[in-house]
Amino acid sequence: MSGKNSEMMQRDLEVIWHPCTQMKDHETLPLIPVASAKGVYLYDFDGNKYIDAVSSWWVNLFGHSNPYINEKMKEQLDTLEHVLLAGFTHKPAIELAHKLVNIAPQALQKVFYVDNGSSAVEAALKMSYHYHLNRGKRKPVFLSLTNSYHGETIGALSVGDVSLYKETYEQLLIQNMQVPVPYNQSQEAAQRALYDLEKVFKADADRIAALIVEPLIQGAGSMHMYHPDYLEGARRLTKAYDVHLIADEIMTGFGRTGRMFACEHANISPDFMTLSKGLTGGYLPLSVVMTTDEIYQAFYCDYNEHKAFLHSHSYTGNPLACVAALATLDIFEKSDVLGDNRKKSDYIKEKLKRFNALENVKEVRQQGMVAAIELEGYRASERIGLKVYTYALKQGVLLRPLGNVIYFMPPYIITYEEIDTMISVAYEGIKGL
């Protein structure tokens, strides 16, 4: 690293504490300062470019500096940048809520705006508990799947199961129980996990407010994947035992799995659905909790501070973020994004076959525009993922492995040639370990 890159890196390290980072790593590992971005590429200050193979932490759908989204954002900037959403409203929030209701699973008729994914999970947990309380039931326990991840605020962390994030804060967390996630993508694994789920409901449903799941793909849980049958069965059981189903679609929503929402693979409608990340096309922080009219009505009454849902964020329903989301949904409406994604998913699937011949590859798995290669034969202390990351950067590809799992989650506008480059770089990086 030289020139402007080096200068920017040093200025950054003087003052910034980065997320999910052991800062001491940057004594030897270069920090990449990004000067600009366009399409699937990030450009540093020294003129190097990198394919953003992870969509900048899974948020970017239609490329960086997308002309259409840019245009809509600029128009909104001259009109209204922000206003509180308590006692006031604005057109972008109204239009976006209507669009989301129109495309979401049928039962989800109400939209509650929040700021980010973890906050959306927090709000959904609180809504679920509060709903039961308004009906005269105290159900203080939440149920989640082993290996799950739902964010890093205290409530969201409580219902996750990735020890790297959770273990340190164990004594601060709210009550949570866990049931096994299906061990693979087979129907048999789904049925075994449903058997375990019903055993827990039979014993403890009267204490459990909600089951929260990442539909089909556990993102930070090493991109573990399971069969849609589990979602169908979980929906059936939660209804039978008066337990809410929260679908955390923060990562899987907006086309990542091959459908607009992962729940559609099982043809289910949850009680709550949390959305963020791709919602704004990767432009601005915004999230929502979608829920049913039945749940909304449990809070609707003459003023009573104990029944009202008193939860707020200063930037709730920010107009600029809502316009970015509206522009993102416009792109879905104007072109066959899901159809194009299915073609690219098939192409990626074919290209992934070569990894199965490598001795250090344990499993290759895929769901739509998410693909993962799990390596084996390495100790955690070897930090194999970091080695692949460093190799890929030198080849002009941004990969950010999850431990021993190398994954791809590129923007939907990636070309077939860029897919070839992305996968070939990963292959050579893994082969050369």
Protein backbone atom coordinates (compact mmCIF):
# COMPACT_ATOMS: atom_id res chain seq x y z
CA MET A 1 0.00 0.00 0.00
CA SER A 2 1.33 3.40 -0.92
CA GLY A 3 0.40 7.00 -1.56
CA LYS A 4 -3.09 8.21 -0.71
CA ASN A 5 -4.26 4.77 0.48
CA SER A 6 -1.55 4.69 3.14
CA GLU A 7 -2.31 8.21 4.27
CA MET A 8 -6.04 7.51 4.61
CA MET A 9 -5.40 4.25 6.45
CA GLN A 10 -3.18 5.96 9.03
CA ARG A 11 -5.67 8.78 9.59
CA ASP A 12 -8.45 6.21 10.07
CA LEU A 13 -6.53 4.14 12.59
CA GLU A 14 -5.85 7.23 14.70
CA VAL A 15 -9.55 7.67 15.53
CA ILE A 16 -11.90 4.91 14.29
CA TRP A 17 -12.84 1.70 16.12
CA HIS A 18 -14.18 -0.64 13.43
CA PRO A 19 -17.06 -3.15 13.83
CA CYS A 20 -16.45 -6.89 14.15
CA THR A 21 -12.71 -6.27 14.06
CA GLN A 22 -9.75 -7.03 16.28
CA MET A 23 -8.03 -3.70 15.68
CA LYS A 24 -4.58 -5.13 16.37
CA ASP A 25 -4.93 -7.10 13.11
CA HIS A 26 -4.45 -3.84 11.23
CA GLU A 27 -0.86 -3.61 12.42
CA THR A 28 -0.15 -6.09 9.61
CA LEU A 29 -3.40 -6.35 7.63
CA PRO A 30 -4.01 -3.39 5.29
CA LEU A 31 -7.21 -1.42 5.80
CA ILE A 32 -8.66 -0.59 2.38
CA PRO A 33 -9.82 3.04 2.03
CA VAL A 34 -12.59 3.24 -0.55
CA ALA A 35 -12.60 6.42 -2.64
CA SER A 36 -15.64 5.61 -4.79
CA ALA A 37 -17.84 2.77 -5.99
CA LYS A 38 -19.75 1.99 -9.16
CA GLY A 39 -21.72 -1.10 -10.08
CA VAL A 40 -20.13 -4.15 -8.43
CA TYR A 41 -16.76 -2.42 -8.01
CA LEU A 42 -15.14 -0.58 -5.10
CA TYR A 43 -12.23 1.74 -5.99
CA ASP A 44 -9.47 2.71 -3.56
CA PHE A 45 -7.41 5.91 -3.57
CA ASP A 46 -4.53 4.28 -5.48
CA GLY A 47 -6.74 3.27 -8.40
CA ASN A 48 -7.21 -0.41 -7.50
CA LYS A 49 -10.67 -1.95 -7.92
CA TYR A 50 -12.39 -4.81 -6.09
CA ILE A 51 -15.49 -6.85 -6.96
CA ASP A 52 -17.87 -6.46 -4.01
CA ALA A 53 -18.69 -10.16 -3.74
CA VAL A 54 -20.46 -9.72 -0.38
CA SER A 55 -22.63 -6.72 -1.32
CA SER A 56 -21.01 -4.60 1.40
CA TRP A 57 -22.35 -6.77 4.24
CA TRP A 58 -25.30 -8.11 2.23
CA VAL A 59 -27.05 -4.78 1.62
CA ASN A 60 -26.31 -3.79 -1.97
CA LEU A 61 -28.77 -5.16 -4.53
CA PHE A 62 -28.44 -3.12 -7.71
CA GLY A 63 -24.89 -1.88 -7.59
CA HIS A 64 -23.13 1.06 -6.05
CA SER A 65 -24.06 4.54 -7.24
CA ASN A 66 -27.07 3.20 -9.10
CA PRO A 67 -28.24 5.97 -11.47
CA TYR A 68 -31.97 5.48 -10.84
CA ILE A 69 -31.70 5.38 -7.05
CA ASN A 70 -29.31 8.36 -7.15
CA GLU A 71 -31.82 10.40 -9.14
CA LYS A 72 -34.68 9.69 -6.73
CA MET A 73 -32.49 10.49 -3.71
CA LYS A 74 -31.44 13.84 -5.20
CA GLU A 75 -35.06 14.78 -5.87
CA GLN A 76 -36.05 14.01 -2.28
CA LEU A 77 -33.10 15.91 -0.83
CA ASP A 78 -34.51 19.19 -2.12
CA THR A 79 -37.95 18.46 -0.65
CA LEU A 80 -37.75 16.91 2.82
CA GLU A 81 -34.72 15.42 4.54
CA HIS A 82 -36.37 14.35 7.82
CA VAL A 83 -39.35 14.88 10.08
CA LEU A 84 -40.50 13.05 13.19
CA LEU A 85 -42.99 10.26 12.52
CA ALA A 86 -44.93 10.75 15.77
CA GLY A 87 -47.97 12.89 15.04
CA PHE A 88 -46.61 13.67 11.56
CA THR A 89 -46.21 11.67 8.38
CA HIS A 90 -44.89 12.09 4.84
CA LYS A 91 -45.46 10.68 1.37
CA PRO A 92 -42.36 8.41 1.09
CA ALA A 93 -43.23 6.59 4.34
CA ILE A 94 -46.86 6.18 3.28
CA GLU A 95 -46.03 4.97 -0.23
CA LEU A 96 -43.37 2.56 0.98
CA ALA A 97 -45.63 1.02 3.62
CA HIS A 98 -48.34 0.42 1.02
CA LYS A 99 -45.86 -1.17 -1.38
CA LEU A 100 -44.49 -3.46 1.32
CA VAL A 101 -47.99 -4.58 2.32
CA ASN A 102 -48.76 -5.33 -1.33
CA ILE A 103 -45.73 -7.60 -1.84
CA ALA A 104 -45.41 -9.23 1.60
CA PRO A 105 -47.12 -12.44 2.72
CA GLN A 106 -50.84 -11.80 2.82
CA ALA A 107 -51.48 -11.55 6.57
CA LEU A 108 -48.90 -8.82 7.09
CA GLN A 109 -50.95 -5.62 6.91
CA LYS A 110 -49.17 -3.17 9.22
CA VAL A 111 -45.70 -1.57 8.98
CA PHE A 112 -43.69 -0.27 11.94
CA TYR A 113 -40.58 1.70 10.93
CA VAL A 114 -37.28 1.21 12.74
CA ASP A 115 -33.65 2.11 11.93
CA ASN A 116 -31.61 -1.09 11.50
CA GLY A 117 -31.84 -4.86 11.59
CA SER A 118 -31.06 -5.39 15.27
CA SER A 119 -33.56 -2.70 16.25
CA ALA A 120 -36.23 -4.35 14.11
CA VAL A 121 -35.66 -7.63 15.95
CA GLU A 122 -35.84 -5.79 19.30
CA ALA A 123 -39.15 -4.19 18.30
CA ALA A 124 -40.63 -7.49 17.12
CA LEU A 125 -39.67 -9.22 20.39
CA LYS A 126 -41.22 -6.41 22.42
CA MET A 127 -44.38 -6.40 20.30
CA SER A 128 -44.82 -10.14 20.72
CA TYR A 129 -44.37 -10.09 24.50
CA HIS A 130 -46.57 -6.99 24.84
CA TYR A 131 -49.34 -8.49 22.69
CA HIS A 132 -49.62 -11.51 24.96
CA LEU A 133 -49.53 -9.22 28.02
CA ASN A 134 -52.37 -7.10 26.60
CA ARG A 135 -54.37 -10.32 26.34
CA GLY A 136 -53.71 -11.15 29.99
CA LYS A 137 -50.87 -13.66 29.45
CA ARG A 138 -47.31 -13.41 30.74
CA LYS A 139 -45.02 -15.15 28.27
CA PRO A 140 -41.47 -13.91 28.99
CA VAL A 141 -39.50 -16.53 27.06
CA PHE A 142 -38.42 -16.50 23.42
CA LEU A 143 -37.50 -19.54 21.37
CA SER A 144 -34.86 -19.58 18.66
CA LEU A 145 -32.77 -22.01 16.66
CA THR A 146 -29.30 -23.23 17.48
CA ASN A 147 -26.61 -21.54 15.37
CA SER A 148 -28.85 -18.52 14.79
CA TYR A 149 -27.93 -14.83 14.58
CA HIS A 150 -30.38 -11.94 14.90
CA GLY A 151 -28.21 -8.92 15.68
CA GLU A 152 -26.02 -7.56 18.45
CA THR A 153 -28.18 -5.35 20.65
CA ILE A 154 -29.05 -7.00 23.96
CA GLY A 155 -32.45 -8.38 22.97
CA ALA A 156 -31.33 -9.49 19.51
CA LEU A 157 -28.21 -11.05 20.98
CA SER A 158 -30.33 -12.95 23.48
CA VAL A 159 -32.13 -14.90 20.75
CA GLY A 160 -28.96 -15.64 18.79
CA ASP A 161 -26.58 -18.56 19.23
CA VAL A 162 -23.23 -17.55 17.74
CA SER A 163 -20.94 -17.73 20.77
CA LEU A 164 -18.39 -15.38 19.22
CA TYR A 165 -20.87 -12.53 19.69
CA LYS A 166 -22.93 -13.78 22.62
CA GLU A 167 -20.73 -15.50 25.19
CA THR A 168 -19.19 -12.37 26.75
CA TYR A 169 -22.58 -10.79 27.47
CA GLU A 170 -24.36 -13.91 28.74
CA GLN A 171 -25.32 -12.42 32.11
CA LEU A 172 -27.02 -9.41 30.49
CA LEU A 173 -29.39 -11.33 28.22
CA ILE A 174 -33.16 -11.91 28.34
CA GLN A 175 -34.77 -15.33 28.75
CA ASN A 176 -34.33 -17.56 25.75
CA MET A 177 -34.67 -21.24 24.87
CA GLN A 178 -33.30 -22.94 21.78
CA VAL A 179 -34.25 -25.87 19.62
CA PRO A 180 -32.07 -27.62 17.03
CA VAL A 181 -31.89 -26.17 13.55
CA PRO A 182 -32.29 -28.80 10.80
CA TYR A 183 -28.79 -30.23 10.33
CA ASN A 184 -28.82 -29.88 6.53
CA GLN A 185 -31.09 -29.04 3.59
CA SER A 186 -32.88 -32.38 3.48
CA GLN A 187 -36.56 -32.94 4.24
CA GLU A 188 -35.58 -35.60 6.77
CA ALA A 189 -33.55 -33.07 8.74
CA ALA A 190 -36.50 -30.68 8.71
CA GLN A 191 -38.85 -33.32 10.10
CA ARG A 192 -36.46 -34.31 12.89
CA ALA A 193 -36.10 -30.68 13.94
CA LEU A 194 -39.89 -30.22 13.91
CA TYR A 195 -40.23 -33.21 16.23
CA ASP A 196 -37.87 -31.49 18.69
CA LEU A 197 -39.76 -28.22 18.31
CA GLU A 198 -43.10 -29.79 19.20
CA LYS A 199 -41.62 -31.43 22.29
CA VAL A 200 -40.62 -27.99 23.57
CA PHE A 201 -44.03 -26.53 22.79
CA LYS A 202 -45.79 -29.38 24.61
CA ALA A 203 -43.74 -28.66 27.72
CA ASP A 204 -43.40 -24.87 27.69
CA ALA A 205 -45.71 -23.14 25.18
CA ASP A 206 -47.51 -21.30 27.97
CA ARG A 207 -44.24 -19.43 28.72
CA ILE A 208 -43.06 -18.86 25.14
CA ALA A 209 -44.03 -15.63 23.39
CA ALA A 210 -42.50 -16.32 19.99
CA LEU A 211 -40.24 -18.50 17.88
CA ILE A 212 -37.80 -16.44 15.81
CA VAL A 213 -36.08 -17.92 12.77
CA GLU A 214 -33.90 -16.87 9.86
CA PRO A 215 -35.86 -18.47 7.01
CA LEU A 216 -33.80 -21.01 5.01
CA ILE A 217 -30.35 -19.45 5.61
CA GLN A 218 -28.58 -18.68 8.87
CA GLY A 219 -26.36 -15.83 7.70
CA ALA A 220 -23.71 -15.22 10.36
CA GLY A 221 -24.14 -18.86 11.41
CA SER A 222 -21.75 -19.86 8.61
CA MET A 223 -24.45 -19.68 5.93
CA HIS A 224 -26.07 -22.87 7.25
CA MET A 225 -29.13 -23.77 5.14
CA TYR A 226 -32.24 -25.89 5.66
CA HIS A 227 -35.35 -27.10 3.82
CA PRO A 228 -38.58 -25.02 3.46
CA ASP A 229 -40.54 -27.87 5.08
CA TYR A 230 -39.24 -26.67 8.43
CA LEU A 231 -40.85 -23.27 7.93
CA GLU A 232 -44.16 -24.83 6.97
CA GLY A 233 -44.11 -27.10 10.01
CA ALA A 234 -43.00 -24.34 12.37
CA ARG A 235 -45.88 -22.15 11.18
CA ARG A 236 -48.36 -24.97 11.78
CA LEU A 237 -47.03 -25.67 15.28
CA THR A 238 -46.81 -22.04 16.39
CA LYS A 239 -50.45 -21.54 15.48
CA ALA A 240 -51.46 -24.70 17.32
CA TYR A 241 -49.65 -23.68 20.52
CA ASP A 242 -50.46 -19.92 20.53
CA VAL A 243 -46.86 -18.89 19.91
CA HIS A 244 -45.90 -16.15 17.46
CA LEU A 245 -43.63 -16.82 14.51
CA ILE A 246 -41.10 -14.09 13.78
CA ALA A 247 -39.43 -14.38 10.37
CA ASP A 248 -36.13 -12.51 10.43
CA GLU A 249 -35.80 -11.73 6.72
CA ILE A 250 -33.22 -9.00 7.22
CA MET A 251 -30.70 -10.88 5.08
CA THR A 252 -32.97 -13.19 3.06
CA GLY A 253 -35.53 -10.59 2.00
CA PHE A 254 -35.75 -8.90 -1.41
CA GLY A 255 -34.79 -11.72 -3.71
CA ARG A 256 -31.70 -13.27 -2.12
CA THR A 257 -33.18 -16.78 -1.94
CA GLY A 258 -34.85 -16.83 -5.37
CA ARG A 259 -38.19 -15.45 -4.15
CA MET A 260 -38.94 -11.93 -2.94
CA PHE A 261 -39.09 -13.30 0.61
CA ALA A 262 -37.75 -16.62 1.87
CA CYS A 263 -41.09 -17.40 3.55
CA GLU A 264 -42.61 -17.72 0.10
CA HIS A 265 -40.68 -20.96 -0.48
CA ALA A 266 -42.91 -22.52 2.21
CA ASN A 267 -46.01 -20.48 1.32
CA ILE A 268 -46.36 -19.21 4.88
CA SER A 269 -47.27 -15.89 6.46
CA PRO A 270 -45.59 -15.23 9.82
CA ASP A 271 -46.92 -13.07 12.64
CA PHE A 272 -43.96 -10.71 12.32
CA MET A 273 -41.44 -10.18 9.55
CA THR A 274 -38.34 -8.02 10.02
CA LEU A 275 -36.76 -6.38 6.97
CA SER A 276 -33.65 -4.28 6.48
CA LYS A 277 -30.33 -4.59 4.54
CA GLY A 278 -31.49 -4.78 0.89
CA LEU A 279 -34.61 -2.74 1.68
CA THR A 280 -32.90 0.50 0.57
CA GLY A 281 -30.67 -1.14 -2.03
CA GLY A 282 -27.70 -0.58 0.27
CA TYR A 283 -28.06 3.20 0.41
CA LEU A 284 -29.24 4.17 3.88
CA PRO A 285 -30.14 2.54 7.22
CA LEU A 286 -33.82 1.61 7.40
CA SER A 287 -35.76 -1.34 8.74
CA VAL A 288 -39.34 -2.33 9.31
CA VAL A 289 -41.37 -4.75 11.37
CA MET A 290 -44.39 -6.01 9.47
CA THR A 291 -47.19 -7.59 11.43
CA THR A 292 -50.87 -8.55 11.31
CA ASP A 293 -53.94 -6.45 11.91
CA GLU A 294 -54.87 -8.77 14.78
CA ILE A 295 -51.67 -7.89 16.62
CA TYR A 296 -52.08 -4.19 15.82
CA GLN A 297 -55.62 -4.23 17.24
CA ALA A 298 -54.39 -5.58 20.60
CA PHE A 299 -52.68 -2.20 21.15
CA TYR A 300 -55.53 -0.06 19.76
CA CYS A 301 -57.58 1.48 22.57
CA ASP A 302 -58.37 4.66 24.49
CA TYR A 303 -55.08 6.04 25.76
CA ASN A 304 -53.44 3.68 28.21
CA GLU A 305 -49.69 3.94 28.66
CA HIS A 306 -49.46 0.29 29.61
CA LYS A 307 -51.18 -0.95 26.45
CA ALA A 308 -49.61 1.46 23.96
CA PHE A 309 -46.46 0.33 22.14
CA LEU A 310 -44.08 3.05 23.32
CA HIS A 311 -41.07 2.30 21.15
CA SER A 312 -39.36 4.92 19.00
CA HIS A 313 -36.19 5.96 17.17
CA SER A 314 -35.31 9.54 16.21
CA TYR A 315 -34.82 8.68 12.53
CA THR A 316 -37.81 6.37 12.24
CA GLY A 317 -39.21 6.42 8.69
CA ASN A 318 -36.55 8.83 7.41
CA PRO A 319 -37.79 10.25 4.06
CA LEU A 320 -34.47 9.86 2.26
CA ALA A 321 -34.21 6.22 3.31
CA CYS A 322 -37.84 5.59 2.35
CA VAL A 323 -37.21 7.06 -1.11
CA ALA A 324 -34.17 4.83 -1.56
CA ALA A 325 -36.39 1.86 -0.67
CA LEU A 326 -39.12 3.00 -3.06
CA ALA A 327 -36.58 3.32 -5.87
CA THR A 328 -35.25 -0.15 -5.07
CA LEU A 329 -38.75 -1.62 -5.28
CA ASP A 330 -39.32 0.28 -8.54
CA ILE A 331 -36.41 -1.63 -10.06
CA PHE A 332 -38.03 -4.91 -9.06
CA GLU A 333 -41.26 -3.78 -10.72
CA LYS A 334 -39.66 -2.54 -13.94
CA SER A 335 -37.51 -5.59 -14.69
CA ASP A 336 -37.55 -9.33 -14.11
CA VAL A 337 -35.02 -9.25 -11.29
CA LEU A 338 -36.05 -12.58 -9.77
CA GLY A 339 -36.01 -14.30 -13.15
CA ASP A 340 -32.55 -12.95 -13.92
CA ASN A 341 -31.38 -14.00 -10.46
CA ARG A 342 -32.57 -17.55 -11.05
CA LYS A 343 -30.50 -17.73 -14.24
CA LYS A 344 -27.43 -16.40 -12.47
CA SER A 345 -28.05 -18.77 -9.55
CA ASP A 346 -28.06 -21.71 -11.96
CA TYR A 347 -24.84 -20.45 -13.51
CA ILE A 348 -23.20 -20.10 -10.09
CA LYS A 349 -24.38 -23.61 -9.16
CA GLU A 350 -22.66 -25.05 -12.22
CA LYS A 351 -19.45 -23.13 -11.50
CA LEU A 352 -19.40 -24.34 -7.88
CA LYS A 353 -19.12 -28.01 -8.89
CA ARG A 354 -15.36 -27.77 -9.28
CA PHE A 355 -14.95 -27.06 -5.55
CA ASN A 356 -16.18 -30.55 -4.65
CA ALA A 357 -12.96 -32.04 -6.02
CA LEU A 358 -10.79 -30.12 -3.53
CA GLU A 359 -9.69 -32.19 -0.54
CA ASN A 360 -10.11 -29.32 1.92
CA VAL A 361 -13.76 -28.67 0.95
CA LYS A 362 -16.32 -30.24 3.28
CA GLU A 363 -19.53 -29.02 1.63
CA VAL A 364 -20.82 -26.71 -1.07
CA ARG A 365 -24.33 -25.30 -0.53
CA GLN A 366 -26.50 -22.73 -2.22
CA GLN A 367 -29.88 -21.04 -1.96
CA GLY A 368 -30.60 -18.55 -4.72
CA MET A 369 -28.01 -15.80 -4.88
CA VAL A 370 -26.25 -17.05 -1.75
CA ALA A 371 -23.55 -19.71 -2.07
CA ALA A 372 -21.16 -21.09 0.52
CA ILE A 373 -18.08 -23.33 0.51
CA GLU A 374 -17.27 -24.88 3.89
CA LEU A 375 -13.65 -25.92 4.42
CA GLU A 376 -12.39 -28.64 6.75
CA GLY A 377 -9.13 -29.81 8.27
CA TYR A 378 -8.14 -26.52 9.87
CA ARG A 379 -8.01 -25.25 13.44
CA ALA A 380 -9.74 -21.97 14.27
CA SER A 381 -6.38 -20.52 15.31
CA GLU A 382 -5.12 -20.91 11.74
CA ARG A 383 -7.60 -18.24 10.58
CA ILE A 384 -7.98 -19.81 7.16
CA GLY A 385 -10.74 -17.41 6.21
CA LEU A 386 -8.41 -14.47 6.73
CA LYS A 387 -5.87 -16.05 4.41
CA VAL A 388 -8.47 -16.43 1.66
CA TYR A 389 -9.65 -12.87 2.26
CA THR A 390 -6.12 -11.49 1.92
CA TYR A 391 -5.42 -13.52 -1.22
CA ALA A 392 -8.69 -12.43 -2.83
CA LEU A 393 -8.03 -8.74 -2.15
CA LYS A 394 -4.74 -8.98 -4.00
CA GLN A 395 -6.69 -10.41 -6.96
CA GLY A 396 -9.28 -7.62 -6.89
CA VAL A 397 -12.15 -9.42 -5.14
CA LEU A 398 -13.68 -8.56 -1.77
CA LEU A 399 -14.60 -11.78 0.07
CA ARG A 400 -15.30 -11.72 3.81
CA PRO A 401 -15.30 -15.36 4.98
CA LEU A 402 -17.18 -16.53 8.07
CA GLY A 403 -14.51 -18.59 9.81
CA ASN A 404 -13.86 -21.57 7.54
CA VAL A 405 -16.79 -20.74 5.26
CA ILE A 406 -16.16 -18.82 2.06
CA TYR A 407 -19.37 -17.39 0.65
CA PHE A 408 -20.69 -15.33 -2.25
CA MET A 409 -23.53 -12.83 -2.01
CA PRO A 410 -22.93 -10.36 -4.85
CA PRO A 411 -25.11 -7.50 -6.10
CA TYR A 412 -27.76 -8.73 -8.52
CA ILE A 413 -26.28 -6.70 -11.40
CA ILE A 414 -23.09 -8.77 -11.43
CA THR A 415 -22.27 -10.01 -14.95
CA TYR A 416 -21.47 -13.61 -15.87
CA GLU A 417 -17.87 -12.59 -16.56
CA GLU A 418 -17.61 -11.03 -13.12
CA ILE A 419 -19.11 -14.19 -11.59
CA ASP A 420 -16.35 -16.18 -13.32
CA THR A 421 -13.70 -13.89 -11.83
CA MET A 422 -15.23 -13.99 -8.35
CA ILE A 423 -15.47 -17.78 -8.27
CA SER A 424 -12.08 -18.40 -9.90
CA VAL A 425 -10.32 -16.19 -7.36
CA ALA A 426 -12.02 -18.03 -4.48
CA TYR A 427 -11.13 -21.39 -6.03
CA GLU A 428 -7.45 -20.51 -6.42
CA GLY A 429 -7.36 -19.06 -2.90
CA ILE A 430 -8.80 -22.25 -1.39
CA LYS A 431 -6.71 -24.54 -3.59
CA GLY A 432 -3.52 -22.74 -2.56
CA LEU A 433 -4.04 -23.08 1.20
